[in-house]
N, C-alpha and C. Protein backbone atom coordinates (compact mmCIF):
# COMPACT_ATOMS: atom_id res chain seq x y z
N MET A 1 86.59 81.44 104.00
CA MET A 1 86.51 82.78 104.56
C MET A 1 85.58 83.62 103.68
N PRO A 2 84.68 84.39 104.30
CA PRO A 2 83.74 85.19 103.49
C PRO A 2 84.44 86.33 102.77
N ARG A 3 83.88 86.70 101.62
CA ARG A 3 84.39 87.81 100.81
C ARG A 3 83.47 89.01 101.02
N TYR A 4 84.08 90.17 101.28
CA TYR A 4 83.35 91.41 101.50
C TYR A 4 83.72 92.42 100.42
N TYR A 5 82.72 93.19 100.02
CA TYR A 5 82.89 94.20 98.98
C TYR A 5 82.68 95.57 99.58
N PHE A 6 83.54 96.52 99.22
CA PHE A 6 83.56 97.85 99.82
C PHE A 6 83.21 98.87 98.73
N ASP A 7 81.94 99.25 98.65
CA ASP A 7 81.48 100.21 97.66
C ASP A 7 81.64 101.63 98.22
N LEU A 8 82.20 102.52 97.41
CA LEU A 8 82.47 103.90 97.83
C LEU A 8 81.39 104.81 97.29
N HIS A 9 80.84 105.66 98.16
CA HIS A 9 79.78 106.60 97.76
C HIS A 9 80.14 108.00 98.22
N ASP A 10 79.96 108.99 97.34
CA ASP A 10 80.04 110.40 97.73
C ASP A 10 79.22 111.21 96.73
N GLU A 11 79.29 112.54 96.84
CA GLU A 11 78.49 113.40 95.96
C GLU A 11 78.87 113.23 94.49
N LEU A 12 80.07 112.73 94.25
CA LEU A 12 80.54 112.59 92.87
C LEU A 12 80.08 111.28 92.23
N GLY A 13 79.56 110.36 93.04
CA GLY A 13 79.08 109.12 92.47
C GLY A 13 79.40 107.92 93.33
N THR A 14 79.36 106.76 92.69
CA THR A 14 79.57 105.50 93.37
C THR A 14 80.62 104.69 92.64
N ALA A 15 81.50 104.08 93.40
CA ALA A 15 82.48 103.15 92.84
C ALA A 15 82.19 101.78 93.45
N ILE A 16 81.76 100.86 92.60
CA ILE A 16 81.39 99.52 93.05
C ILE A 16 82.65 98.65 93.11
N ASP A 17 82.84 97.99 94.22
CA ASP A 17 83.96 97.07 94.40
C ASP A 17 83.59 95.73 93.75
N GLU A 18 84.25 95.41 92.67
CA GLU A 18 83.98 94.16 91.96
C GLU A 18 84.82 93.00 92.50
N GLU A 19 85.93 93.32 93.17
CA GLU A 19 86.89 92.31 93.58
C GLU A 19 86.65 91.79 95.00
N GLY A 20 86.49 92.70 95.94
CA GLY A 20 86.26 92.32 97.32
C GLY A 20 87.52 91.81 98.01
N LEU A 21 87.38 91.55 99.30
CA LEU A 21 88.47 91.03 100.13
C LEU A 21 87.94 89.91 100.99
N GLU A 22 88.75 88.89 101.17
CA GLU A 22 88.39 87.83 102.11
C GLU A 22 88.86 88.24 103.49
N LEU A 23 87.92 88.34 104.42
CA LEU A 23 88.25 88.77 105.78
C LEU A 23 87.62 87.79 106.78
N SER A 24 88.30 87.63 107.91
CA SER A 24 87.93 86.57 108.84
C SER A 24 86.92 86.99 109.91
N SER A 25 86.70 88.30 110.10
CA SER A 25 85.80 88.73 111.18
C SER A 25 85.19 90.08 110.85
N MET A 26 84.11 90.41 111.58
CA MET A 26 83.51 91.74 111.40
C MET A 26 84.45 92.83 111.87
N ARG A 27 85.30 92.54 112.84
CA ARG A 27 86.30 93.51 113.29
C ARG A 27 87.26 93.84 112.15
N ALA A 28 87.67 92.82 111.39
CA ALA A 28 88.54 93.04 110.23
C ALA A 28 87.81 93.85 109.15
N VAL A 29 86.52 93.57 108.96
CA VAL A 29 85.70 94.32 108.00
C VAL A 29 85.64 95.78 108.41
N GLN A 30 85.39 96.02 109.69
CA GLN A 30 85.30 97.39 110.21
C GLN A 30 86.63 98.12 110.04
N GLY A 31 87.73 97.44 110.29
CA GLY A 31 89.05 98.05 110.11
C GLY A 31 89.31 98.43 108.67
N GLU A 32 88.95 97.56 107.75
CA GLU A 32 89.15 97.86 106.33
C GLU A 32 88.25 99.01 105.88
N ALA A 33 87.01 99.04 106.37
CA ALA A 33 86.10 100.14 106.04
C ALA A 33 86.64 101.46 106.58
N ALA A 34 87.19 101.44 107.80
CA ALA A 34 87.77 102.65 108.39
C ALA A 34 88.94 103.14 107.56
N LYS A 35 89.79 102.22 107.13
CA LYS A 35 90.94 102.60 106.30
C LYS A 35 90.46 103.23 104.99
N SER A 36 89.46 102.62 104.36
CA SER A 36 88.95 103.13 103.09
C SER A 36 88.32 104.51 103.22
N VAL A 37 87.48 104.70 104.24
CA VAL A 37 86.83 106.01 104.41
C VAL A 37 87.87 107.06 104.82
N GLY A 38 88.89 106.67 105.57
CA GLY A 38 89.98 107.59 105.91
C GLY A 38 90.74 108.03 104.67
N ASP A 39 91.00 107.10 103.76
CA ASP A 39 91.67 107.44 102.50
C ASP A 39 90.82 108.41 101.68
N MET A 40 89.51 108.15 101.63
CA MET A 40 88.60 109.03 100.89
C MET A 40 88.60 110.43 101.49
N ALA A 41 88.56 110.52 102.83
CA ALA A 41 88.55 111.83 103.50
C ALA A 41 89.84 112.58 103.21
N ARG A 42 90.97 111.89 103.31
CA ARG A 42 92.27 112.53 103.04
C ARG A 42 92.29 113.08 101.61
N ASP A 43 91.87 112.26 100.64
CA ASP A 43 91.87 112.69 99.24
C ASP A 43 90.93 113.88 99.02
N ALA A 44 89.77 113.88 99.69
CA ALA A 44 88.81 114.98 99.57
C ALA A 44 89.41 116.28 100.10
N ILE A 45 90.12 116.20 101.22
CA ILE A 45 90.71 117.39 101.82
C ILE A 45 91.86 117.91 100.95
N ILE A 46 92.69 117.02 100.45
CA ILE A 46 93.83 117.43 99.62
C ILE A 46 93.37 118.09 98.32
N SER A 47 92.33 117.55 97.70
CA SER A 47 91.91 118.05 96.38
C SER A 47 90.90 119.19 96.45
N ALA A 48 90.43 119.54 97.64
CA ALA A 48 89.39 120.56 97.77
C ALA A 48 89.95 121.97 97.65
N PRO A 49 89.10 122.91 97.23
CA PRO A 49 89.48 124.32 97.33
C PRO A 49 89.66 124.68 98.81
N ALA A 50 90.24 125.84 99.07
CA ALA A 50 90.65 126.18 100.43
C ALA A 50 89.49 126.40 101.41
N THR A 51 88.31 126.68 100.93
CA THR A 51 87.23 126.97 101.88
C THR A 51 85.87 126.58 101.33
N GLY A 52 84.92 126.47 102.22
CA GLY A 52 83.54 126.26 101.82
C GLY A 52 83.20 124.84 101.39
N VAL A 53 84.09 123.91 101.61
CA VAL A 53 83.84 122.54 101.16
C VAL A 53 83.17 121.75 102.27
N ARG A 54 82.11 121.07 101.91
CA ARG A 54 81.47 120.11 102.81
C ARG A 54 81.17 118.88 101.98
N ARG A 55 81.71 117.77 102.42
CA ARG A 55 81.49 116.52 101.69
C ARG A 55 81.15 115.42 102.66
N ARG A 56 80.26 114.56 102.23
CA ARG A 56 79.92 113.38 103.01
C ARG A 56 80.27 112.19 102.14
N MET A 57 80.92 111.22 102.73
CA MET A 57 81.28 110.03 101.99
C MET A 57 80.94 108.81 102.81
N ALA A 58 80.75 107.70 102.14
CA ALA A 58 80.37 106.47 102.84
C ALA A 58 81.02 105.27 102.17
N ILE A 59 81.31 104.29 102.99
CA ILE A 59 81.71 102.97 102.52
C ILE A 59 80.56 102.04 102.88
N GLU A 60 79.99 101.41 101.89
CA GLU A 60 78.96 100.42 102.14
C GLU A 60 79.58 99.05 101.90
N VAL A 61 79.54 98.23 102.93
CA VAL A 61 80.15 96.90 102.87
C VAL A 61 79.05 95.87 102.66
N ARG A 62 79.29 94.96 101.74
CA ARG A 62 78.32 93.90 101.49
C ARG A 62 79.05 92.57 101.32
N ASP A 63 78.32 91.51 101.55
CA ASP A 63 78.83 90.17 101.26
C ASP A 63 77.88 89.53 100.25
N ALA A 64 77.99 88.25 100.03
CA ALA A 64 77.16 87.58 99.04
C ALA A 64 75.67 87.70 99.36
N SER A 65 75.33 87.88 100.64
CA SER A 65 73.93 87.96 101.05
C SER A 65 73.35 89.36 101.01
N GLY A 66 74.22 90.38 100.96
CA GLY A 66 73.74 91.76 100.94
C GLY A 66 74.53 92.64 101.89
N PRO A 67 73.99 93.83 102.22
CA PRO A 67 74.69 94.80 103.06
C PRO A 67 74.98 94.26 104.46
N VAL A 68 76.18 94.57 104.97
CA VAL A 68 76.54 94.16 106.33
C VAL A 68 76.99 95.34 107.20
N MET A 69 77.42 96.46 106.58
CA MET A 69 77.92 97.58 107.38
C MET A 69 78.01 98.82 106.50
N GLN A 70 77.84 99.98 107.12
CA GLN A 70 78.09 101.24 106.44
C GLN A 70 78.91 102.12 107.38
N VAL A 71 79.95 102.73 106.84
CA VAL A 71 80.77 103.67 107.59
C VAL A 71 80.73 104.99 106.84
N THR A 72 80.34 106.07 107.55
CA THR A 72 80.26 107.38 106.89
C THR A 72 81.23 108.36 107.53
N CYS A 73 81.56 109.38 106.74
CA CYS A 73 82.48 110.42 107.20
C CYS A 73 82.06 111.72 106.54
N SER A 74 82.09 112.80 107.31
CA SER A 74 81.82 114.13 106.76
C SER A 74 83.06 114.97 106.89
N VAL A 75 83.32 115.76 105.85
CA VAL A 75 84.49 116.63 105.83
C VAL A 75 84.00 118.05 105.57
N ALA A 76 84.50 118.99 106.34
CA ALA A 76 84.21 120.40 106.12
C ALA A 76 85.51 121.18 106.23
N ILE A 77 85.74 122.08 105.29
CA ILE A 77 86.93 122.94 105.33
C ILE A 77 86.46 124.37 105.42
N GLU A 78 86.96 125.07 106.40
CA GLU A 78 86.64 126.48 106.58
C GLU A 78 87.96 127.22 106.78
N THR A 79 88.23 128.21 105.93
CA THR A 79 89.45 128.99 106.04
C THR A 79 89.12 130.32 106.71
N PHE A 80 89.92 130.69 107.69
CA PHE A 80 89.73 131.95 108.40
C PHE A 80 90.51 133.05 107.71
N ASP A 81 90.16 134.31 108.02
CA ASP A 81 90.85 135.44 107.42
C ASP A 81 92.35 135.31 107.65
N ALA A 82 93.10 135.58 106.61
CA ALA A 82 94.56 135.48 106.72
C ALA A 82 95.08 136.57 107.65
N ARG A 83 96.02 136.20 108.46
CA ARG A 83 96.67 137.17 109.34
C ARG A 83 97.83 137.82 108.58
N PRO A 84 98.15 139.06 108.91
CA PRO A 84 99.26 139.71 108.22
C PRO A 84 100.55 138.90 108.39
N GLN A 85 101.28 138.80 107.31
CA GLN A 85 102.55 138.08 107.34
C GLN A 85 103.64 139.00 107.87
N SER A 86 104.42 138.50 108.79
CA SER A 86 105.57 139.26 109.31
C SER A 86 106.81 138.76 108.58
N HIS A 87 107.65 139.68 108.16
CA HIS A 87 108.87 139.30 107.47
C HIS A 87 110.05 139.27 108.43
N HIS A 88 109.79 139.48 109.72
CA HIS A 88 110.85 139.43 110.71
C HIS A 88 110.87 138.04 111.34
N HIS A 89 112.06 137.48 111.50
CA HIS A 89 112.16 136.16 112.12
C HIS A 89 112.74 136.25 113.46
């Protein structure tokens, strides 16, 4: 079974996957890339300040021969003016 490596890229830098995963199909590769980029997006949103954040991240997948797939995701956070809080329930 071929081994695929999932390198993470964003504005903060690159994390090279040294270990990789053995996967049986390109569909499995795509699923793993989607999971990885989803995790990156979630972490970016959780750790970001409340507004004005725009980040682009990518998972570049490669095998022993070179690149096979790239999955990208963009995240933007925009906070709107706070509405007055009502203390009545």
